[in-house]
PDB file of all heavy atoms in Angstrom:
ATOM      1  N   ALA A   1       6.182   4.907   3.506  1.00  0.00           N
ATOM      2  CA  ALA A   1       5.958   3.483   3.378  1.00  0.00           C
ATOM      3  C   ALA A   1       5.437   3.018   1.988  1.00  0.00           C
ATOM      4  O   ALA A   1       6.002   2.238   1.344  1.00  0.00           O
ATOM      5  CB  ALA A   1       5.058   3.012   4.527  1.00  0.00           C
ATOM      6  N   ALA A   2       4.357   3.723   1.542  1.00  0.00           N
ATOM      7  CA  ALA A   2       3.750   3.307   0.273  1.00  0.00           C
ATOM      8  C   ALA A   2       2.898   4.421  -0.281  1.00  0.00           C
ATOM      9  O   ALA A   2       2.442   5.265   0.546  1.00  0.00           O
ATOM     10  CB  ALA A   2       2.861   2.059   0.548  1.00  0.00           C
ATOM     11  N   ALA A   3       2.652   4.408  -1.587  1.00  0.00           N
ATOM     12  CA  ALA A   3       1.810   5.407  -2.156  1.00  0.00           C
ATOM     13  C   ALA A   3       1.033   4.773  -3.405  1.00  0.00           C
ATOM     14  O   ALA A   3       1.535   3.760  -3.957  1.00  0.00           O
ATOM     15  CB  ALA A   3       2.652   6.630  -2.675  1.00  0.00           C
ATOM     16  N   ILE A   4       0.011   5.345  -3.691  1.00  0.00           N
ATOM     17  CA  ILE A   4      -0.853   4.871  -4.792  1.00  0.00           C
ATOM     18  C   ILE A   4      -1.405   6.076  -5.571  1.00  0.00           C
ATOM     19  O   ILE A   4      -1.795   7.019  -4.988  1.00  0.00           O
ATOM     20  CB  ILE A   4      -1.952   3.934  -4.263  1.00  0.00           C
ATOM     21  CG1 ILE A   4      -2.737   3.181  -5.367  1.00  0.00           C
ATOM     22  CG2 ILE A   4      -2.975   4.738  -3.346  1.00  0.00           C
ATOM     23  CD1 ILE A   4      -3.593   2.104  -4.962  1.00  0.00           C
ATOM     24  N   SER A   5      -1.416   5.924  -6.897  1.00  0.00           N
ATOM     25  CA  SER A   5      -1.923   6.964  -7.719  1.00  0.00           C
ATOM     26  C   SER A   5      -3.463   7.086  -7.628  1.00  0.00           C
ATOM     27  O   SER A   5      -4.060   6.313  -7.038  1.00  0.00           O
ATOM     28  CB  SER A   5      -1.554   6.728  -9.177  1.00  0.00           C
ATOM     29  OG  SER A   5      -2.168   5.518  -9.660  1.00  0.00           O
ATOM     30  N   ARG A   6      -3.975   8.180  -8.149  1.00  0.00           N
ATOM     31  CA  ARG A   6      -5.411   8.437  -7.914  1.00  0.00           C
ATOM     32  C   ARG A   6      -6.362   7.412  -8.480  1.00  0.00           C
ATOM     33  O   ARG A   6      -7.407   7.192  -7.914  1.00  0.00           O
ATOM     34  CB  ARG A   6      -5.731   9.824  -8.412  1.00  0.00           C
ATOM     35  CG  ARG A   6      -5.553  10.097  -9.840  1.00  0.00           C
ATOM     36  CD  ARG A   6      -5.924  11.446 -10.223  1.00  0.00           C
ATOM     37  NE  ARG A   6      -5.782  11.738 -11.617  1.00  0.00           N
ATOM     38  CZ  ARG A   6      -6.125  12.835 -12.230  1.00  0.00           C
ATOM     39  NH1 ARG A   6      -6.582  13.847 -11.485  1.00  0.00           N
ATOM     40  NH2 ARG A   6      -5.989  13.094 -13.464  1.00  0.00           N
ATOM     41  N   ASN A   7      -5.952   6.715  -9.537  1.00  0.00           N
ATOM     42  CA  ASN A   7      -6.822   5.682 -10.122  1.00  0.00           C
ATOM     43  C   ASN A   7      -6.362   4.297  -9.647  1.00  0.00           C
ATOM     44  O   ASN A   7      -6.930   3.260 -10.141  1.00  0.00           O
ATOM     45  CB  ASN A   7      -6.859   5.819 -11.677  1.00  0.00           C
ATOM     46  CG  ASN A   7      -5.467   5.515 -12.245  1.00  0.00           C
ATOM     47  OD1 ASN A   7      -4.541   5.246 -11.623  1.00  0.00           O
ATOM     48  ND2 ASN A   7      -5.457   5.582 -13.572  1.00  0.00           N
ATOM     49  N   GLY A   8      -5.328   4.238  -8.891  1.00  0.00           N
ATOM     50  CA  GLY A   8      -4.850   2.916  -8.359  1.00  0.00           C
ATOM     51  C   GLY A   8      -3.879   2.163  -9.316  1.00  0.00           C
ATOM     52  O   GLY A   8      -3.456   1.119  -8.971  1.00  0.00           O
ATOM     53  N   GLY A   9      -3.599   2.804 -10.427  1.00  0.00           N
ATOM     54  CA  GLY A   9      -2.800   2.087 -11.433  1.00  0.00           C
ATOM     55  C   GLY A   9      -1.347   2.017 -11.158  1.00  0.00           C
ATOM     56  O   GLY A   9      -0.659   1.144 -11.701  1.00  0.00           O
ATOM     57  N   ILE A  10      -0.851   2.976 -10.336  1.00  0.00           N
ATOM     58  CA  ILE A  10       0.549   2.943 -10.031  1.00  0.00           C
ATOM     59  C   ILE A  10       0.728   2.919  -8.492  1.00  0.00           C
ATOM     60  O   ILE A  10       0.007   3.644  -7.774  1.00  0.00           O
ATOM     61  CB  ILE A  10       1.229   4.297 -10.464  1.00  0.00           C
ATOM     62  CG1 ILE A  10       0.948   4.502 -11.952  1.00  0.00           C
ATOM     63  CG2 ILE A  10       2.738   4.260 -10.207  1.00  0.00           C
ATOM     64  CD1 ILE A  10       1.363   5.820 -12.523  1.00  0.00           C
ATOM     65  N   THR A  11       1.652   2.107  -8.010  1.00  0.00           N
ATOM     66  CA  THR A  11       1.978   1.998  -6.558  1.00  0.00           C
ATOM     67  C   THR A  11       3.516   2.119  -6.453  1.00  0.00           C
ATOM     68  O   THR A  11       4.261   1.831  -7.409  1.00  0.00           O
ATOM     69  CB  THR A  11       1.537   0.754  -5.949  1.00  0.00           C
ATOM     70  OG1 THR A  11       2.044  -0.448  -6.695  1.00  0.00           O
ATOM     71  CG2 THR A  11      -0.064   0.614  -5.987  1.00  0.00           C
ATOM     72  N   TYR A  12       3.871   2.458  -5.293  1.00  0.00           N
ATOM     73  CA  TYR A  12       5.328   2.736  -5.031  1.00  0.00           C
ATOM     74  C   TYR A  12       5.546   2.407  -3.543  1.00  0.00           C
ATOM     75  O   TYR A  12       4.760   2.737  -2.698  1.00  0.00           O
ATOM     76  CB  TYR A  12       5.743   4.074  -5.315  1.00  0.00           C
ATOM     77  CG  TYR A  12       7.208   4.388  -5.268  1.00  0.00           C
ATOM     78  CD1 TYR A  12       8.025   4.023  -6.319  1.00  0.00           C
ATOM     79  CD2 TYR A  12       7.792   4.950  -4.213  1.00  0.00           C
ATOM     80  CE1 TYR A  12       9.411   4.308  -6.268  1.00  0.00           C
ATOM     81  CE2 TYR A  12       9.098   5.267  -4.053  1.00  0.00           C
ATOM     82  CZ  TYR A  12       9.924   4.871  -5.119  1.00  0.00           C
ATOM     83  OH  TYR A  12      11.282   5.114  -5.106  1.00  0.00           O
ATOM     84  N   PHE A  13       6.644   1.693  -3.262  1.00  0.00           N
ATOM     85  CA  PHE A  13       6.903   1.227  -1.947  1.00  0.00           C
ATOM     86  C   PHE A  13       8.360   1.541  -1.443  1.00  0.00           C
ATOM     87  O   PHE A  13       9.258   1.509  -2.334  1.00  0.00           O
ATOM     88  CB  PHE A  13       6.682  -0.317  -1.777  1.00  0.00           C
ATOM     89  CG  PHE A  13       5.282  -0.752  -2.066  1.00  0.00           C
ATOM     90  CD1 PHE A  13       4.921  -1.167  -3.365  1.00  0.00           C
ATOM     91  CD2 PHE A  13       4.283  -0.762  -1.050  1.00  0.00           C
ATOM     92  CE1 PHE A  13       3.578  -1.493  -3.583  1.00  0.00           C
ATOM     93  CE2 PHE A  13       3.042  -1.127  -1.332  1.00  0.00           C
ATOM     94  CZ  PHE A  13       2.672  -1.481  -2.643  1.00  0.00           C
ATOM     95  N   ALA A  14       8.496   1.824  -0.206  1.00  0.00           N
ATOM     96  CA  ALA A  14       9.861   1.890   0.354  1.00  0.00           C
ATOM     97  C   ALA A  14      10.434   0.495   0.322  1.00  0.00           C
ATOM     98  O   ALA A  14       9.764  -0.496   0.424  1.00  0.00           O
ATOM     99  CB  ALA A  14       9.723   2.393   1.834  1.00  0.00           C
ATOM    100  N   ASP A  15      11.744   0.445   0.202  1.00  0.00           N
ATOM    101  CA  ASP A  15      12.475  -0.746   0.169  1.00  0.00           C
ATOM    102  C   ASP A  15      12.178  -1.631   1.372  1.00  0.00           C
ATOM    103  O   ASP A  15      12.193  -2.837   1.325  1.00  0.00           O
ATOM    104  CB  ASP A  15      13.991  -0.537   0.041  1.00  0.00           C
ATOM    105  CG  ASP A  15      14.317  -0.093  -1.369  1.00  0.00           C
ATOM    106  OD1 ASP A  15      13.538  -0.240  -2.360  1.00  0.00           O
ATOM    107  OD2 ASP A  15      15.415   0.431  -1.549  1.00  0.00           O
ATOM    108  N   SER A  16      12.024  -0.948   2.486  1.00  0.00           N
ATOM    109  CA  SER A  16      11.823  -1.644   3.802  1.00  0.00           C
ATOM    110  C   SER A  16      10.569  -2.503   3.882  1.00  0.00           C
ATOM    111  O   SER A  16      10.500  -3.321   4.724  1.00  0.00           O
ATOM    112  CB  SER A  16      11.943  -0.693   4.986  1.00  0.00           C
ATOM    113  OG  SER A  16      10.986   0.333   4.777  1.00  0.00           O
ATOM    114  N   VAL A  17       9.581  -2.097   3.038  1.00  0.00           N
ATOM    115  CA  VAL A  17       8.316  -2.774   3.088  1.00  0.00           C
ATOM    116  C   VAL A  17       7.980  -3.525   1.858  1.00  0.00           C
ATOM    117  O   VAL A  17       6.978  -4.238   1.784  1.00  0.00           O
ATOM    118  CB  VAL A  17       7.177  -1.771   3.411  1.00  0.00           C
ATOM    119  CG1 VAL A  17       7.515  -1.016   4.761  1.00  0.00           C
ATOM    120  CG2 VAL A  17       6.817  -0.878   2.341  1.00  0.00           C
ATOM    121  N   LYS A  18       8.775  -3.348   0.829  1.00  0.00           N
ATOM    122  CA  LYS A  18       8.533  -3.975  -0.482  1.00  0.00           C
ATOM    123  C   LYS A  18       8.373  -5.485  -0.358  1.00  0.00           C
ATOM    124  O   LYS A  18       9.267  -6.067   0.286  1.00  0.00           O
ATOM    125  CB  LYS A  18       9.639  -3.604  -1.473  1.00  0.00           C
ATOM    126  CG  LYS A  18       9.264  -3.754  -2.936  1.00  0.00           C
ATOM    127  CD  LYS A  18      10.364  -3.114  -3.792  1.00  0.00           C
ATOM    128  CE  LYS A  18      10.421  -1.687  -3.621  1.00  0.00           C
ATOM    129  NZ  LYS A  18      11.486  -1.133  -4.551  1.00  0.00           N
ATOM    130  N   GLY A  19       7.406  -6.015  -0.938  1.00  0.00           N
ATOM    131  CA  GLY A  19       7.154  -7.511  -0.886  1.00  0.00           C
ATOM    132  C   GLY A  19       6.376  -7.937   0.373  1.00  0.00           C
ATOM    133  O   GLY A  19       5.935  -9.071   0.408  1.00  0.00           O
ATOM    134  N   ARG A  20       6.222  -7.081   1.274  1.00  0.00           N
ATOM    135  CA  ARG A  20       5.441  -7.429   2.464  1.00  0.00           C
ATOM    136  C   ARG A  20       4.124  -6.592   2.610  1.00  0.00           C
ATOM    137  O   ARG A  20       3.178  -7.096   3.086  1.00  0.00           O
ATOM    138  CB  ARG A  20       6.305  -7.173   3.759  1.00  0.00           C
ATOM    139  CG  ARG A  20       7.556  -7.948   3.810  1.00  0.00           C
ATOM    140  CD  ARG A  20       8.288  -7.829   5.122  1.00  0.00           C
ATOM    141  NE  ARG A  20       8.624  -6.445   5.385  1.00  0.00           N
ATOM    142  CZ  ARG A  20       8.317  -5.758   6.416  1.00  0.00           C
ATOM    143  NH1 ARG A  20       7.476  -6.291   7.271  1.00  0.00           N
ATOM    144  NH2 ARG A  20       8.781  -4.473   6.636  1.00  0.00           N
ATOM    145  N   PHE A  21       4.164  -5.364   2.163  1.00  0.00           N
ATOM    146  CA  PHE A  21       3.001  -4.490   2.237  1.00  0.00           C
ATOM    147  C   PHE A  21       2.407  -4.266   0.801  1.00  0.00           C
ATOM    148  O   PHE A  21       3.093  -4.281  -0.187  1.00  0.00           O
ATOM    149  CB  PHE A  21       3.402  -3.076   2.781  1.00  0.00           C
ATOM    150  CG  PHE A  21       3.828  -3.050   4.194  1.00  0.00           C
ATOM    151  CD1 PHE A  21       4.103  -4.153   5.017  1.00  0.00           C
ATOM    152  CD2 PHE A  21       3.991  -1.797   4.813  1.00  0.00           C
ATOM    153  CE1 PHE A  21       4.411  -4.124   6.254  1.00  0.00           C
ATOM    154  CE2 PHE A  21       4.369  -1.700   6.185  1.00  0.00           C
ATOM    155  CZ  PHE A  21       4.621  -2.885   6.881  1.00  0.00           C
ATOM    156  N   THR A  22       1.094  -4.099   0.769  1.00  0.00           N
ATOM    157  CA  THR A  22       0.426  -3.752  -0.467  1.00  0.00           C
ATOM    158  C   THR A  22      -0.460  -2.549  -0.107  1.00  0.00           C
ATOM    159  O   THR A  22      -1.000  -2.514   0.954  1.00  0.00           O
ATOM    160  CB  THR A  22      -0.366  -4.890  -1.058  1.00  0.00           C
ATOM    161  OG1 THR A  22      -1.321  -5.371  -0.050  1.00  0.00           O
ATOM    162  CG2 THR A  22       0.524  -5.984  -1.529  1.00  0.00           C
ATOM    163  N   ILE A  23      -0.669  -1.714  -1.170  1.00  0.00           N
ATOM    164  CA  ILE A  23      -1.536  -0.541  -0.978  1.00  0.00           C
ATOM    165  C   ILE A  23      -2.613  -0.738  -2.024  1.00  0.00           C
ATOM    166  O   ILE A  23      -2.328  -1.040  -3.127  1.00  0.00           O
ATOM    167  CB  ILE A  23      -0.822   0.747  -1.021  1.00  0.00           C
ATOM    168  CG1 ILE A  23      -1.623   1.932  -0.742  1.00  0.00           C
ATOM    169  CG2 ILE A  23      -0.088   0.889  -2.329  1.00  0.00           C
ATOM    170  CD1 ILE A  23      -0.879   3.328  -0.613  1.00  0.00           C
ATOM    171  N   SER A  24      -3.828  -0.322  -1.626  1.00  0.00           N
ATOM    172  CA  SER A  24      -4.967  -0.351  -2.610  1.00  0.00           C
ATOM    173  C   SER A  24      -5.930   0.777  -2.177  1.00  0.00           C
ATOM    174  O   SER A  24      -5.841   1.324  -1.150  1.00  0.00           O
ATOM    175  CB  SER A  24      -5.638  -1.746  -2.617  1.00  0.00           C
ATOM    176  OG  SER A  24      -6.107  -2.005  -1.294  1.00  0.00           O
ATOM    177  N   ARG A  25      -6.847   1.030  -3.121  1.00  0.00           N
ATOM    178  CA  ARG A  25      -7.800   2.076  -2.867  1.00  0.00           C
ATOM    179  C   ARG A  25      -9.151   1.681  -3.500  1.00  0.00           C
ATOM    180  O   ARG A  25      -9.159   0.967  -4.483  1.00  0.00           O
ATOM    181  CB  ARG A  25      -7.386   3.373  -3.235  1.00  0.00           C
ATOM    182  CG  ARG A  25      -7.246   3.541  -4.768  1.00  0.00           C
ATOM    183  CD  ARG A  25      -6.581   4.851  -5.177  1.00  0.00           C
ATOM    184  NE  ARG A  25      -7.354   6.019  -4.846  1.00  0.00           N
ATOM    185  CZ  ARG A  25      -6.906   7.275  -4.743  1.00  0.00           C
ATOM    186  NH1 ARG A  25      -5.659   7.530  -4.945  1.00  0.00           N
ATOM    187  NH2 ARG A  25      -7.747   8.273  -4.393  1.00  0.00           N
ATOM    188  N   ASP A  26     -10.254   2.113  -2.830  1.00  0.00           N
ATOM    189  CA  ASP A  26     -11.595   1.887  -3.335  1.00  0.00           C
ATOM    190  C   ASP A  26     -12.150   3.258  -3.501  1.00  0.00           C
ATOM    191  O   ASP A  26     -12.610   3.845  -2.500  1.00  0.00           O
ATOM    192  CB  ASP A  26     -12.415   0.993  -2.460  1.00  0.00           C
ATOM    193  CG  ASP A  26     -13.763   0.616  -2.950  1.00  0.00           C
ATOM    194  OD1 ASP A  26     -14.259   1.398  -3.790  1.00  0.00           O
ATOM    195  OD2 ASP A  26     -14.320  -0.385  -2.528  1.00  0.00           O
ATOM    196  N   ASN A  27     -12.127   3.849  -4.708  1.00  0.00           N
ATOM    197  CA  ASN A  27     -12.665   5.147  -4.926  1.00  0.00           C
ATOM    198  C   ASN A  27     -14.126   5.328  -4.645  1.00  0.00           C
ATOM    199  O   ASN A  27     -14.604   6.354  -4.355  1.00  0.00           O
ATOM    200  CB  ASN A  27     -12.261   5.729  -6.277  1.00  0.00           C
ATOM    201  CG  ASN A  27     -10.746   5.971  -6.379  1.00  0.00           C
ATOM    202  OD1 ASN A  27     -10.080   6.196  -5.296  1.00  0.00           O
ATOM    203  ND2 ASN A  27     -10.166   5.979  -7.606  1.00  0.00           N
ATOM    204  N   ALA A  28     -14.909   4.261  -4.794  1.00  0.00           N
ATOM    205  CA  ALA A  28     -16.291   4.240  -4.564  1.00  0.00           C
ATOM    206  C   ALA A  28     -16.558   4.389  -3.055  1.00  0.00           C
ATOM    207  O   ALA A  28     -17.592   4.971  -2.694  1.00  0.00           O
ATOM    208  CB  ALA A  28     -16.951   3.018  -5.053  1.00  0.00           C
ATOM    209  N   LYS A  29     -15.681   3.959  -2.223  1.00  0.00           N
ATOM    210  CA  LYS A  29     -15.827   4.024  -0.843  1.00  0.00           C
ATOM    211  C   LYS A  29     -14.943   5.092  -0.169  1.00  0.00           C
ATOM    212  O   LYS A  29     -14.882   5.224   1.077  1.00  0.00           O
ATOM    213  CB  LYS A  29     -15.482   2.672  -0.137  1.00  0.00           C
ATOM    214  CG  LYS A  29     -16.442   1.549  -0.536  1.00  0.00           C
ATOM    215  CD  LYS A  29     -16.075   0.309   0.162  1.00  0.00           C
ATOM    216  CE  LYS A  29     -17.082  -0.762  -0.218  1.00  0.00           C
ATOM    217  NZ  LYS A  29     -16.743  -2.096   0.544  1.00  0.00           N
ATOM    218  N   ASN A  30     -14.177   5.852  -0.983  1.00  0.00           N
ATOM    219  CA  ASN A  30     -13.304   6.951  -0.453  1.00  0.00           C
ATOM    220  C   ASN A  30     -12.372   6.352   0.500  1.00  0.00           C
ATOM    221  O   ASN A  30     -12.093   6.957   1.585  1.00  0.00           O
ATOM    222  CB  ASN A  30     -14.132   8.067   0.185  1.00  0.00           C
ATOM    223  CG  ASN A  30     -14.721   8.982  -0.947  1.00  0.00           C
ATOM    224  OD1 ASN A  30     -14.690   8.667  -2.093  1.00  0.00           O
ATOM    225  ND2 ASN A  30     -15.207  10.077  -0.498  1.00  0.00           N
ATOM    226  N   THR A  31     -11.813   5.231   0.250  1.00  0.00           N
ATOM    227  CA  THR A  31     -10.926   4.571   1.260  1.00  0.00           C
ATOM    228  C   THR A  31      -9.685   4.034   0.594  1.00  0.00           C
ATOM    229  O   THR A  31      -9.686   3.522  -0.518  1.00  0.00           O
ATOM    230  CB  THR A  31     -11.728   3.404   1.875  1.00  0.00           C
ATOM    231  OG1 THR A  31     -12.904   3.932   2.555  1.00  0.00           O
ATOM    232  CG2 THR A  31     -10.854   2.736   2.992  1.00  0.00           C
ATOM    233  N   VAL A  32      -8.558   4.145   1.323  1.00  0.00           N
ATOM    234  CA  VAL A  32      -7.275   3.576   0.927  1.00  0.00           C
ATOM    235  C   VAL A  32      -6.872   2.590   1.996  1.00  0.00           C
ATOM    236  O   VAL A  32      -7.147   2.804   3.165  1.00  0.00           O
ATOM    237  CB  VAL A  32      -6.217   4.626   0.698  1.00  0.00           C
ATOM    238  CG1 VAL A  32      -5.909   5.517   1.944  1.00  0.00           C
ATOM    239  CG2 VAL A  32      -4.907   4.016   0.060  1.00  0.00           C
ATOM    240  N   TYR A  33      -6.253   1.510   1.627  1.00  0.00           N
ATOM    241  CA  TYR A  33      -5.872   0.477   2.514  1.00  0.00           C
ATOM    242  C   TYR A  33      -4.344   0.190   2.465  1.00  0.00           C
ATOM    243  O   TYR A  33      -3.738   0.364   1.447  1.00  0.00           O
ATOM    244  CB  TYR A  33      -6.573  -0.854   2.117  1.00  0.00           C
ATOM    245  CG  TYR A  33      -8.044  -0.765   2.016  1.00  0.00           C
ATOM    246  CD1 TYR A  33      -8.696  -0.474   0.819  1.00  0.00           C
ATOM    247  CD2 TYR A  33      -8.869  -0.825   3.196  1.00  0.00           C
ATOM    248  CE1 TYR A  33     -10.112  -0.425   0.746  1.00  0.00           C
ATOM    249  CE2 TYR A  33     -10.261  -0.731   3.105  1.00  0.00           C
ATOM    250  CZ  TYR A  33     -10.828  -0.465   1.893  1.00  0.00           C
ATOM    251  OH  TYR A  33     -12.198  -0.398   1.803  1.00  0.00           O
ATOM    252  N   LEU A  34      -3.834  -0.338   3.550  1.00  0.00           N
ATOM    253  CA  LEU A  34      -2.461  -0.793   3.608  1.00  0.00           C
ATOM    254  C   LEU A  34      -2.513  -2.121   4.232  1.00  0.00           C
ATOM    255  O   LEU A  34      -2.736  -2.313   5.431  1.00  0.00           O
ATOM    256  CB  LEU A  34      -1.562   0.139   4.403  1.00  0.00           C
ATOM    257  CG  LEU A  34      -0.057  -0.196   4.489  1.00  0.00           C
ATOM    258  CD1 LEU A  34       0.528   0.018   3.035  1.00  0.00           C
ATOM    259  CD2 LEU A  34       0.727   0.638   5.483  1.00  0.00           C
ATOM    260  N   GLN A  35      -2.224  -3.179   3.447  1.00  0.00           N
ATOM    261  CA  GLN A  35      -2.217  -4.550   3.929  1.00  0.00           C
ATOM    262  C   GLN A  35      -0.708  -4.851   4.251  1.00  0.00           C
ATOM    263  O   GLN A  35       0.182  -4.721   3.427  1.00  0.00           O
ATOM    264  CB  GLN A  35      -2.660  -5.510   2.802  1.00  0.00           C
ATOM    265  CG  GLN A  35      -2.549  -6.965   3.242  1.00  0.00           C
ATOM    266  CD  GLN A  35      -3.513  -7.328   4.340  1.00  0.00           C
ATOM    267  OE1 GLN A  35      -4.646  -7.000   4.326  1.00  0.00           O
ATOM    268  NE2 GLN A  35      -2.975  -8.136   5.293  1.00  0.00           N
ATOM    269  N   MET A  36      -0.487  -5.188   5.534  1.00  0.00           N
ATOM    270  CA  MET A  36       0.782  -5.407   6.020  1.00  0.00           C
ATOM    271  C   MET A  36       0.989  -6.886   6.411  1.00  0.00           C
ATOM    272  O   MET A  36       0.247  -7.311   7.355  1.00  0.00           O
ATOM    273  CB  MET A  36       1.113  -4.525   7.229  1.00  0.00           C
ATOM    274  CG  MET A  36       0.831  -3.078   6.924  1.00  0.00           C
ATOM    275  SD  MET A  36       1.264  -1.912   8.273  1.00  0.00           S
ATOM    276  CE  MET A  36       0.090  -2.490   9.576  1.00  0.00           C
ATOM    277  N   ASN A  37       1.830  -7.569   5.764  1.00  0.00           N
ATOM    278  CA  ASN A  37       2.096  -9.011   6.026  1.00  0.00           C
ATOM    279  C   ASN A  37       3.571  -9.197   6.503  1.00  0.00           C
ATOM    280  O   ASN A  37       4.362  -8.341   6.356  1.00  0.00           O
ATOM    281  CB  ASN A  37       1.865  -9.836   4.760  1.00  0.00           C
ATOM    282  CG  ASN A  37       0.402  -9.711   4.312  1.00  0.00           C
ATOM    283  OD1 ASN A  37      -0.520  -9.631   5.057  1.00  0.00           O
ATOM    284  ND2 ASN A  37       0.287  -9.830   2.985  1.00  0.00           N
ATOM    285  N   SER A  38       3.793 -10.356   7.111  1.00  0.00           N
ATOM    286  CA  SER A  38       5.174 -10.641   7.626  1.00  0.00           C
ATOM    287  C   SER A  38       5.735  -9.468   8.424  1.00  0.00           C
ATOM    288  O   SER A  38       6.851  -9.132   8.281  1.00  0.00           O
ATOM    289  CB  SER A  38       6.061 -11.013   6.448  1.00  0.00           C
ATOM    290  OG  SER A  38       5.556 -12.010   5.613  1.00  0.00           O
ATOM    291  N   LEU A  39       4.899  -9.016   9.381  1.00  0.00           N
ATOM    292  CA  LEU A  39       5.336  -7.894  10.169  1.00  0.00           C
ATOM    293  C   LEU A  39       6.551  -8.188  11.074  1.00  0.00           C
ATOM    294  O   LEU A  39       6.658  -9.293  11.550  1.00  0.00           O
ATOM    295  CB  LEU A  39       4.160  -7.354  10.965  1.00  0.00           C
ATOM    296  CG  LEU A  39       3.113  -6.507  10.248  1.00  0.00           C
ATOM    297  CD1 LEU A  39       1.767  -6.468  10.956  1.00  0.00           C
ATOM    298  CD2 LEU A  39       3.612  -5.158   9.900  1.00  0.00           C
ATOM    299  N   LYS A  40       7.353  -7.168  11.201  1.00  0.00           N
ATOM    300  CA  LYS A  40       8.508  -7.242  11.997  1.00  0.00           C
ATOM    301  C   LYS A  40       8.483  -6.252  13.158  1.00  0.00           C
ATOM    302  O   LYS A  40       7.861  -5.205  12.984  1.00  0.00           O
ATOM    303  CB  LYS A  40       9.772  -6.927  11.138  1.00  0.00           C
ATOM    304  CG  LYS A  40       9.911  -7.768   9.879  1.00  0.00           C
ATOM    305  CD  LYS A  40      11.048  -7.298   9.030  1.00  0.00           C
ATOM    306  CE  LYS A  40      11.185  -8.114   7.760  1.00  0.00           C
ATOM    307  NZ  LYS A  40      12.309  -7.646   6.901  1.00  0.00           N
ATOM    308  N   PRO A  41       9.185  -6.464  14.238  1.00  0.00           N
ATOM    309  CA  PRO A  41       9.286  -5.479  15.331  1.00  0.00           C
ATOM    310  C   PRO A  41       9.668  -4.080  14.824  1.00  0.00           C
ATOM    311  O   PRO A  41       9.163  -3.065  15.335  1.00  0.00           O
ATOM    312  CB  PRO A  41      10.246  -6.047  16.292  1.00  0.00           C
ATOM    313  CG  PRO A  41      10.194  -7.535  16.061  1.00  0.00           C
ATOM    314  CD  PRO A  41       9.949  -7.724  14.542  1.00  0.00           C
ATOM    315  N   GLU A  42      10.477  -3.964  13.827  1.00  0.00           N
ATOM    316  CA  GLU A  42      10.910  -2.667  13.301  1.00  0.00           C
ATOM    317  C   GLU A  42       9.809  -1.969  12.565  1.00  0.00           C
ATOM    318  O   GLU A  42       9.981  -0.793  12.188  1.00  0.00           O
ATOM    319  CB  GLU A  42      12.177  -2.792  12.490  1.00  0.00           C
ATOM    320  CG  GLU A  42      12.098  -3.859  11.375  1.00  0.00           C
ATOM    321  CD  GLU A  42      12.774  -5.179  11.838  1.00  0.00           C
ATOM    322  OE1 GLU A  42      12.492  -5.601  12.978  1.00  0.00           O
ATOM    323  OE2 GLU A  42      13.489  -5.726  11.021  1.00  0.00           O
TER     324      GLU A  42
END
C-alpha cells in the first residue's frame, strides 16, 4: 500500500491508494501512520 524512508523524506504509494492515503512517521515516538481518506469497499 505505502512505504516511507527512514527519515520520512521519501514516500511511495501503490496506484490503488495514491491520492487517498498518506504515510508519515514520528521517529521520536517510534510510530508510523497511515492516513486513509475517501475509503472504498475494495
